[in-house]
Each structure stands twice: as C-alpha cells, then as structure tokens.
Amino acid sequence: RFTISRDNAKSTVFLQSNSLKPVEKAVYYCRAKTR
C-alpha cells in the first residue's frame, strides 16, 4: 500500500500511498542515518 522512493540526486525521499487507513493518522517523521 505504501511506496518509498527518492529523486535522482538522492536529496529527497518520498512516501506514497493510495489507500490510507484511519488508524494511520499520525505525525510522520523523516529520518536519515549517516556514517
């Protein structure tokens, strides 16, 4: 139901869904991990 993707520059990520459920009401946070 969800798809995560990124742009060619790898500077932006996306989260898409076409079938959200009521229980998925929430604050959505982006996280990045570096090494």
ModelCIF file with pLDDT and N, C-alpha, C, O atoms, coordinates in Angstrom:
data_MODEL
#
_entry.id   MODEL 
#
_entity.id                         1 
_entity.type                       polymer 
_entity.pdbx_number_of_molecules   1 
#
_entity_poly.entity_id                      1 
_entity_poly.type                           'polypeptide(L)' 
_entity_poly.nstd_linkage                   no 
_entity_poly.nstd_monomer                   no 
_entity_poly.pdbx_seq_one_letter_code       RFTISRDNAKSTVFLQSNSLKPVEKAVYYCRAKTR 
_entity_poly.pdbx_seq_one_letter_code_can   RFTISRDNAKSTVFLQSNSLKPVEKAVYYCRAKTR 
_entity_poly.pdbx_strand_id                 A 
#
loop_
_entity_poly_seq.entity_id 
_entity_poly_seq.num 
_entity_poly_seq.mon_id 
_entity_poly_seq.hetero 
1 1  ARG n 
1 2  PHE n 
1 3  THR n 
1 4  ILE n 
1 5  SER n 
1 6  ARG n 
1 7  ASP n 
1 8  ASN n 
1 9  ALA n 
1 10 LYS n 
1 11 SER n 
1 12 THR n 
1 13 VAL n 
1 14 PHE n 
1 15 LEU n 
1 16 GLN n 
1 17 SER n 
1 18 ASN n 
1 19 SER n 
1 20 LEU n 
1 21 LYS n 
1 22 PRO n 
1 23 VAL n 
1 24 GLU n 
1 25 LYS n 
1 26 ALA n 
1 27 VAL n 
1 28 TYR n 
1 29 TYR n 
1 30 CYS n 
1 31 ARG n 
1 32 ALA n 
1 33 LYS n 
1 34 THR n 
1 35 ARG n 
#
_struct_asym.id          A 
_struct_asym.entity_id   1 
#
loop_
_ma_qa_metric.id 
_ma_qa_metric.mode 
_ma_qa_metric.name 
_ma_qa_metric.software_group_id 
_ma_qa_metric.type 
1 global pLDDT . pLDDT 
2 local  pLDDT . pLDDT 
#
_ma_qa_metric_global.metric_id      1 
_ma_qa_metric_global.metric_value   95.29 
_ma_qa_metric_global.model_id       1 
_ma_qa_metric_global.ordinal_id     1 
#
loop_
_ma_qa_metric_local.label_asym_id 
_ma_qa_metric_local.label_comp_id 
_ma_qa_metric_local.label_seq_id 
_ma_qa_metric_local.metric_id 
_ma_qa_metric_local.metric_value 
_ma_qa_metric_local.model_id 
_ma_qa_metric_local.ordinal_id 
A ARG 1  2 97.00 1 1  
A PHE 2  2 98.00 1 2  
A THR 3  2 98.00 1 3  
A ILE 4  2 98.00 1 4  
A SER 5  2 97.00 1 5  
A ARG 6  2 95.00 1 6  
A ASP 7  2 92.00 1 7  
A ASN 8  2 82.00 1 8  
A ALA 9  2 83.00 1 9  
A LYS 10 2 81.00 1 10 
A SER 11 2 90.00 1 11 
A THR 12 2 96.00 1 12 
A VAL 13 2 97.00 1 13 
A PHE 14 2 98.00 1 14 
A LEU 15 2 98.00 1 15 
A GLN 16 2 98.00 1 16 
A SER 17 2 97.00 1 17 
A ASN 18 2 94.00 1 18 
A SER 19 2 96.00 1 19 
A LEU 20 2 97.00 1 20 
A LYS 21 2 97.00 1 21 
A PRO 22 2 96.00 1 22 
A VAL 23 2 95.00 1 23 
A GLU 24 2 97.00 1 24 
A LYS 25 2 97.00 1 25 
A ALA 26 2 98.00 1 26 
A VAL 27 2 98.00 1 27 
A TYR 28 2 98.00 1 28 
A TYR 29 2 98.00 1 29 
A CYS 30 2 98.00 1 30 
A ARG 31 2 98.00 1 31 
A ALA 32 2 97.00 1 32 
A LYS 33 2 97.00 1 33 
A THR 34 2 96.00 1 34 
A ARG 35 2 93.00 1 35 
#
loop_
_atom_site.group_PDB 
_atom_site.id 
_atom_site.type_symbol 
_atom_site.label_atom_id 
_atom_site.label_alt_id 
_atom_site.label_comp_id 
_atom_site.label_asym_id 
_atom_site.label_entity_id 
_atom_site.label_seq_id 
_atom_site.pdbx_PDB_ins_code 
_atom_site.Cartn_x 
_atom_site.Cartn_y 
_atom_site.Cartn_z 
_atom_site.occupancy 
_atom_site.B_iso_or_equiv 
_atom_site.pdbx_formal_charge 
_atom_site.auth_seq_id 
_atom_site.auth_comp_id 
_atom_site.auth_asym_id 
_atom_site.auth_atom_id 
_atom_site.pdbx_PDB_model_num 
ATOM 1   N N  . ARG A 1 1  ? 0.810  -1.220 0.000  1.00 97.00 ? 1  ARG A N  1 
ATOM 2   C CA . ARG A 1 1  ? 0.000  0.000  0.000  1.00 97.00 ? 1  ARG A CA 1 
ATOM 3   C C  . ARG A 1 1  ? 0.840  1.265  0.000  1.00 97.00 ? 1  ARG A C  1 
ATOM 4   O O  . ARG A 1 1  ? 0.366  2.322  -0.416 1.00 97.00 ? 1  ARG A O  1 
ATOM 5   N N  . PHE A 1 2  ? 2.079  1.172  0.460  1.00 98.00 ? 2  PHE A N  1 
ATOM 6   C CA . PHE A 1 2  ? 2.982  2.313  0.522  1.00 98.00 ? 2  PHE A CA 1 
ATOM 7   C C  . PHE A 1 2  ? 4.174  2.085  -0.389 1.00 98.00 ? 2  PHE A C  1 
ATOM 8   O O  . PHE A 1 2  ? 4.583  0.949  -0.630 1.00 98.00 ? 2  PHE A O  1 
ATOM 9   N N  . THR A 1 3  ? 4.721  3.174  -0.887 1.00 98.00 ? 3  THR A N  1 
ATOM 10  C CA . THR A 1 3  ? 5.923  3.126  -1.699 1.00 98.00 ? 3  THR A CA 1 
ATOM 11  C C  . THR A 1 3  ? 6.878  4.219  -1.257 1.00 98.00 ? 3  THR A C  1 
ATOM 12  O O  . THR A 1 3  ? 6.491  5.382  -1.147 1.00 98.00 ? 3  THR A O  1 
ATOM 13  N N  . ILE A 1 4  ? 8.127  3.846  -1.005 1.00 98.00 ? 4  ILE A N  1 
ATOM 14  C CA . ILE A 1 4  ? 9.158  4.825  -0.697 1.00 98.00 ? 4  ILE A CA 1 
ATOM 15  C C  . ILE A 1 4  ? 10.064 4.945  -1.911 1.00 98.00 ? 4  ILE A C  1 
ATOM 16  O O  . ILE A 1 4  ? 10.403 3.943  -2.542 1.00 98.00 ? 4  ILE A O  1 
ATOM 17  N N  . SER A 1 5  ? 10.453 6.164  -2.236 1.00 97.00 ? 5  SER A N  1 
ATOM 18  C CA . SER A 1 5  ? 11.291 6.401  -3.397 1.00 97.00 ? 5  SER A CA 1 
ATOM 19  C C  . SER A 1 5  ? 12.161 7.628  -3.158 1.00 97.00 ? 5  SER A C  1 
ATOM 20  O O  . SER A 1 5  ? 12.029 8.300  -2.135 1.00 97.00 ? 5  SER A O  1 
ATOM 21  N N  . ARG A 1 6  ? 13.040 7.914  -4.094 1.00 95.00 ? 6  ARG A N  1 
ATOM 22  C CA . ARG A 1 6  ? 13.933 9.062  -3.979 1.00 95.00 ? 6  ARG A CA 1 
ATOM 23  C C  . ARG A 1 6  ? 14.164 9.692  -5.346 1.00 95.00 ? 6  ARG A C  1 
ATOM 24  O O  . ARG A 1 6  ? 13.920 9.070  -6.380 1.00 95.00 ? 6  ARG A O  1 
ATOM 25  N N  . ASP A 1 7  ? 14.638 10.937 -5.336 1.00 92.00 ? 7  ASP A N  1 
ATOM 26  C CA . ASP A 1 7  ? 14.953 11.582 -6.597 1.00 92.00 ? 7  ASP A CA 1 
ATOM 27  C C  . ASP A 1 7  ? 16.344 11.163 -7.058 1.00 92.00 ? 7  ASP A C  1 
ATOM 28  O O  . ASP A 1 7  ? 17.066 10.474 -6.336 1.00 92.00 ? 7  ASP A O  1 
ATOM 29  N N  . ASN A 1 8  ? 16.710 11.582 -8.258 1.00 82.00 ? 8  ASN A N  1 
ATOM 30  C CA . ASN A 1 8  ? 17.985 11.160 -8.835 1.00 82.00 ? 8  ASN A CA 1 
ATOM 31  C C  . ASN A 1 8  ? 19.189 11.689 -8.063 1.00 82.00 ? 8  ASN A C  1 
ATOM 32  O O  . ASN A 1 8  ? 20.236 11.041 -8.025 1.00 82.00 ? 8  ASN A O  1 
ATOM 33  N N  . ALA A 1 9  ? 19.048 12.847 -7.456 1.00 83.00 ? 9  ALA A N  1 
ATOM 34  C CA . ALA A 1 9  ? 20.136 13.442 -6.691 1.00 83.00 ? 9  ALA A CA 1 
ATOM 35  C C  . ALA A 1 9  ? 20.256 12.853 -5.295 1.00 83.00 ? 9  ALA A C  1 
ATOM 36  O O  . ALA A 1 9  ? 21.200 13.160 -4.567 1.00 83.00 ? 9  ALA A O  1 
ATOM 37  N N  . LYS A 1 10 ? 19.315 12.017 -4.924 1.00 81.00 ? 10 LYS A N  1 
ATOM 38  C CA . LYS A 1 10 ? 19.270 11.387 -3.603 1.00 81.00 ? 10 LYS A CA 1 
ATOM 39  C C  . LYS A 1 10 ? 19.123 12.396 -2.478 1.00 81.00 ? 10 LYS A C  1 
ATOM 40  O O  . LYS A 1 10 ? 19.496 12.121 -1.338 1.00 81.00 ? 10 LYS A O  1 
ATOM 41  N N  . SER A 1 11 ? 18.587 13.551 -2.794 1.00 90.00 ? 11 SER A N  1 
ATOM 42  C CA . SER A 1 11 ? 18.407 14.593 -1.792 1.00 90.00 ? 11 SER A CA 1 
ATOM 43  C C  . SER A 1 11 ? 16.988 14.646 -1.241 1.00 90.00 ? 11 SER A C  1 
ATOM 44  O O  . SER A 1 11 ? 16.738 15.301 -0.229 1.00 90.00 ? 11 SER A O  1 
ATOM 45  N N  . THR A 1 12 ? 16.071 13.970 -1.893 1.00 96.00 ? 12 THR A N  1 
ATOM 46  C CA . THR A 1 12 ? 14.680 13.974 -1.475 1.00 96.00 ? 12 THR A CA 1 
ATOM 47  C C  . THR A 1 12 ? 14.118 12.563 -1.519 1.00 96.00 ? 12 THR A C  1 
ATOM 48  O O  . THR A 1 12 ? 14.314 11.838 -2.494 1.00 96.00 ? 12 THR A O  1 
ATOM 49  N N  . VAL A 1 13 ? 13.426 12.182 -0.473 1.00 97.00 ? 13 VAL A N  1 
ATOM 50  C CA . VAL A 1 13 ? 12.729 10.903 -0.454 1.00 97.00 ? 13 VAL A CA 1 
ATOM 51  C C  . VAL A 1 13 ? 11.238 11.155 -0.355 1.00 97.00 ? 13 VAL A C  1 
ATOM 52  O O  . VAL A 1 13 ? 10.798 12.173 0.181  1.00 97.00 ? 13 VAL A O  1 
ATOM 53  N N  . PHE A 1 14 ? 10.472 10.222 -0.874 1.00 98.00 ? 14 PHE A N  1 
ATOM 54  C CA . PHE A 1 14 ? 9.032  10.348 -0.926 1.00 98.00 ? 14 PHE A CA 1 
ATOM 55  C C  . PHE A 1 14 ? 8.378  9.130  -0.292 1.00 98.00 ? 14 PHE A C  1 
ATOM 56  O O  . PHE A 1 14 ? 8.939  8.034  -0.281 1.00 98.00 ? 14 PHE A O  1 
ATOM 57  N N  . LEU A 1 15 ? 7.205  9.343  0.223  1.00 98.00 ? 15 LEU A N  1 
ATOM 58  C CA . LEU A 1 15 ? 6.377  8.266  0.725  1.00 98.00 ? 15 LEU A CA 1 
ATOM 59  C C  . LEU A 1 15 ? 4.991  8.425  0.122  1.00 98.00 ? 15 LEU A C  1 
ATOM 60  O O  . LEU A 1 15 ? 4.348  9.459  0.302  1.00 98.00 ? 15 LEU A O  1 
ATOM 61  N N  . GLN A 1 16 ? 4.531  7.411  -0.591 1.00 98.00 ? 16 GLN A N  1 
ATOM 62  C CA . GLN A 1 16 ? 3.254  7.483  -1.275 1.00 98.00 ? 16 GLN A CA 1 
ATOM 63  C C  . GLN A 1 16 ? 2.342  6.337  -0.870 1.00 98.00 ? 16 GLN A C  1 
ATOM 64  O O  . GLN A 1 16 ? 2.793  5.227  -0.587 1.00 98.00 ? 16 GLN A O  1 
ATOM 65  N N  . SER A 1 17 ? 1.072  6.629  -0.849 1.00 97.00 ? 17 SER A N  1 
ATOM 66  C CA . SER A 1 17 ? 0.067  5.614  -0.605 1.00 97.00 ? 17 SER A CA 1 
ATOM 67  C C  . SER A 1 17 ? -1.208 6.015  -1.317 1.00 97.00 ? 17 SER A C  1 
ATOM 68  O O  . SER A 1 17 ? -1.520 7.201  -1.428 1.00 97.00 ? 17 SER A O  1 
ATOM 69  N N  . ASN A 1 18 ? -1.944 5.029  -1.798 1.00 94.00 ? 18 ASN A N  1 
ATOM 70  C CA . ASN A 1 18 ? -3.236 5.300  -2.421 1.00 94.00 ? 18 ASN A CA 1 
ATOM 71  C C  . ASN A 1 18 ? -4.383 4.648  -1.660 1.00 94.00 ? 18 ASN A C  1 
ATOM 72  O O  . ASN A 1 18 ? -5.493 4.529  -2.177 1.00 94.00 ? 18 ASN A O  1 
ATOM 73  N N  . SER A 1 19 ? -4.107 4.228  -0.431 1.00 96.00 ? 19 SER A N  1 
ATOM 74  C CA . SER A 1 19 ? -5.130 3.541  0.347  1.00 96.00 ? 19 SER A CA 1 
ATOM 75  C C  . SER A 1 19 ? -4.892 3.713  1.837  1.00 96.00 ? 19 SER A C  1 
ATOM 76  O O  . SER A 1 19 ? -4.660 2.739  2.552  1.00 96.00 ? 19 SER A O  1 
ATOM 77  N N  . LEU A 1 20 ? -4.950 4.925  2.293  1.00 97.00 ? 20 LEU A N  1 
ATOM 78  C CA . LEU A 1 20 ? -4.725 5.208  3.702  1.00 97.00 ? 20 LEU A CA 1 
ATOM 79  C C  . LEU A 1 20 ? -5.863 4.696  4.566  1.00 97.00 ? 20 LEU A C  1 
ATOM 80  O O  . LEU A 1 20 ? -7.030 4.745  4.180  1.00 97.00 ? 20 LEU A O  1 
ATOM 81  N N  . LYS A 1 21 ? -5.504 4.208  5.732  1.00 97.00 ? 21 LYS A N  1 
ATOM 82  C CA . LYS A 1 21 ? -6.464 3.735  6.704  1.00 97.00 ? 21 LYS A CA 1 
ATOM 83  C C  . LYS A 1 21 ? -6.594 4.750  7.836  1.00 97.00 ? 21 LYS A C  1 
ATOM 84  O O  . LYS A 1 21 ? -5.641 5.476  8.117  1.00 97.00 ? 21 LYS A O  1 
ATOM 85  N N  . PRO A 1 22 ? -7.756 4.816  8.492  1.00 96.00 ? 22 PRO A N  1 
ATOM 86  C CA . PRO A 1 22 ? -7.930 5.757  9.602  1.00 96.00 ? 22 PRO A CA 1 
ATOM 87  C C  . PRO A 1 22 ? -6.905 5.579  10.713 1.00 96.00 ? 22 PRO A C  1 
ATOM 88  O O  . PRO A 1 22 ? -6.499 6.560  11.337 1.00 96.00 ? 22 PRO A O  1 
ATOM 89  N N  . VAL A 1 23 ? -6.478 4.342  10.974 1.00 95.00 ? 23 VAL A N  1 
ATOM 90  C CA . VAL A 1 23 ? -5.507 4.089  12.034 1.00 95.00 ? 23 VAL A CA 1 
ATOM 91  C C  . VAL A 1 23 ? -4.129 4.634  11.698 1.00 95.00 ? 23 VAL A C  1 
ATOM 92  O O  . VAL A 1 23 ? -3.246 4.661  12.556 1.00 95.00 ? 23 VAL A O  1 
ATOM 93  N N  . GLU A 1 24 ? -3.938 5.062  10.472 1.00 97.00 ? 24 GLU A N  1 
ATOM 94  C CA . GLU A 1 24 ? -2.650 5.594  10.056 1.00 97.00 ? 24 GLU A CA 1 
ATOM 95  C C  . GLU A 1 24 ? -2.547 7.104  10.231 1.00 97.00 ? 24 GLU A C  1 
ATOM 96  O O  . GLU A 1 24 ? -1.602 7.731  9.753  1.00 97.00 ? 24 GLU A O  1 
ATOM 97  N N  . LYS A 1 25 ? -3.516 7.676  10.912 1.00 97.00 ? 25 LYS A N  1 
ATOM 98  C CA . LYS A 1 25 ? -3.407 9.065  11.331 1.00 97.00 ? 25 LYS A CA 1 
ATOM 99  C C  . LYS A 1 25 ? -2.256 9.169  12.318 1.00 97.00 ? 25 LYS A C  1 
ATOM 100 O O  . LYS A 1 25 ? -2.240 8.475  13.334 1.00 97.00 ? 25 LYS A O  1 
ATOM 101 N N  . ALA A 1 26 ? -1.300 10.028 12.024 1.00 98.00 ? 26 ALA A N  1 
ATOM 102 C CA . ALA A 1 26 ? -0.116 10.148 12.856 1.00 98.00 ? 26 ALA A CA 1 
ATOM 103 C C  . ALA A 1 26 ? 0.733  11.309 12.371 1.00 98.00 ? 26 ALA A C  1 
ATOM 104 O O  . ALA A 1 26 ? 0.485  11.891 11.315 1.00 98.00 ? 26 ALA A O  1 
ATOM 105 N N  . VAL A 1 27 ? 1.741  11.629 13.170 1.00 98.00 ? 27 VAL A N  1 
ATOM 106 C CA . VAL A 1 27 ? 2.781  12.529 12.709 1.00 98.00 ? 27 VAL A CA 1 
ATOM 107 C C  . VAL A 1 27 ? 3.838  11.671 12.029 1.00 98.00 ? 27 VAL A C  1 
ATOM 108 O O  . VAL A 1 27 ? 4.358  10.723 12.619 1.00 98.00 ? 27 VAL A O  1 
ATOM 109 N N  . TYR A 1 28 ? 4.144  12.006 10.810 1.00 98.00 ? 28 TYR A N  1 
ATOM 110 C CA . TYR A 1 28 ? 5.123  11.250 10.042 1.00 98.00 ? 28 TYR A CA 1 
ATOM 111 C C  . TYR A 1 28 ? 6.455  11.984 10.058 1.00 98.00 ? 28 TYR A C  1 
ATOM 112 O O  . TYR A 1 28 ? 6.521  13.179 9.770  1.00 98.00 ? 28 TYR A O  1 
ATOM 113 N N  . TYR A 1 29 ? 7.519  11.253 10.400 1.00 98.00 ? 29 TYR A N  1 
ATOM 114 C CA . TYR A 1 29 ? 8.851  11.818 10.531 1.00 98.00 ? 29 TYR A CA 1 
ATOM 115 C C  . TYR A 1 29 ? 9.805  11.204 9.522  1.00 98.00 ? 29 TYR A C  1 
ATOM 116 O O  . TYR A 1 29 ? 9.745  10.009 9.233  1.00 98.00 ? 29 TYR A O  1 
ATOM 117 N N  . CYS A 1 30 ? 10.673 12.027 8.999  1.00 98.00 ? 30 CYS A N  1 
ATOM 118 C CA . CYS A 1 30 ? 11.747 11.571 8.137  1.00 98.00 ? 30 CYS A CA 1 
ATOM 119 C C  . CYS A 1 30 ? 13.011 11.376 8.965  1.00 98.00 ? 30 CYS A C  1 
ATOM 120 O O  . CYS A 1 30 ? 13.312 12.179 9.849  1.00 98.00 ? 30 CYS A O  1 
ATOM 121 N N  . ARG A 1 31 ? 13.742 10.317 8.678  1.00 98.00 ? 31 ARG A N  1 
ATOM 122 C CA . ARG A 1 31 ? 14.990 10.039 9.379  1.00 98.00 ? 31 ARG A CA 1 
ATOM 123 C C  . ARG A 1 31 ? 16.100 9.752  8.385  1.00 98.00 ? 31 ARG A C  1 
ATOM 124 O O  . ARG A 1 31 ? 15.883 9.102  7.362  1.00 98.00 ? 31 ARG A O  1 
ATOM 125 N N  . ALA A 1 32 ? 17.288 10.242 8.695  1.00 97.00 ? 32 ALA A N  1 
ATOM 126 C CA . ALA A 1 32 ? 18.474 9.953  7.901  1.00 97.00 ? 32 ALA A CA 1 
ATOM 127 C C  . ALA A 1 32 ? 19.565 9.419  8.812  1.00 97.00 ? 32 ALA A C  1 
ATOM 128 O O  . ALA A 1 32 ? 19.771 9.922  9.916  1.00 97.00 ? 32 ALA A O  1 
ATOM 129 N N  . LYS A 1 33 ? 20.253 8.404  8.343  1.00 97.00 ? 33 LYS A N  1 
ATOM 130 C CA . LYS A 1 33 ? 21.386 7.840  9.062  1.00 97.00 ? 33 LYS A CA 1 
ATOM 131 C C  . LYS A 1 33 ? 22.649 8.069  8.245  1.00 97.00 ? 33 LYS A C  1 
ATOM 132 O O  . LYS A 1 33 ? 22.671 7.861  7.032  1.00 97.00 ? 33 LYS A O  1 
ATOM 133 N N  . THR A 1 34 ? 23.694 8.499  8.934  1.00 96.00 ? 34 THR A N  1 
ATOM 134 C CA . THR A 1 34 ? 24.958 8.757  8.265  1.00 96.00 ? 34 THR A CA 1 
ATOM 135 C C  . THR A 1 34 ? 26.067 7.933  8.896  1.00 96.00 ? 34 THR A C  1 
ATOM 136 O O  . THR A 1 34 ? 25.988 7.526  10.055 1.00 96.00 ? 34 THR A O  1 
ATOM 137 N N  . ARG A 1 35 ? 27.089 7.701  8.109  1.00 93.00 ? 35 ARG A N  1 
ATOM 138 C CA . ARG A 1 35 ? 28.278 7.027  8.596  1.00 93.00 ? 35 ARG A CA 1 
ATOM 139 C C  . ARG A 1 35 ? 29.488 7.782  8.061  1.00 93.00 ? 35 ARG A C  1 
ATOM 140 O O  . ARG A 1 35 ? 30.626 7.401  8.338  1.00 93.00 ? 35 ARG A O  1 
#
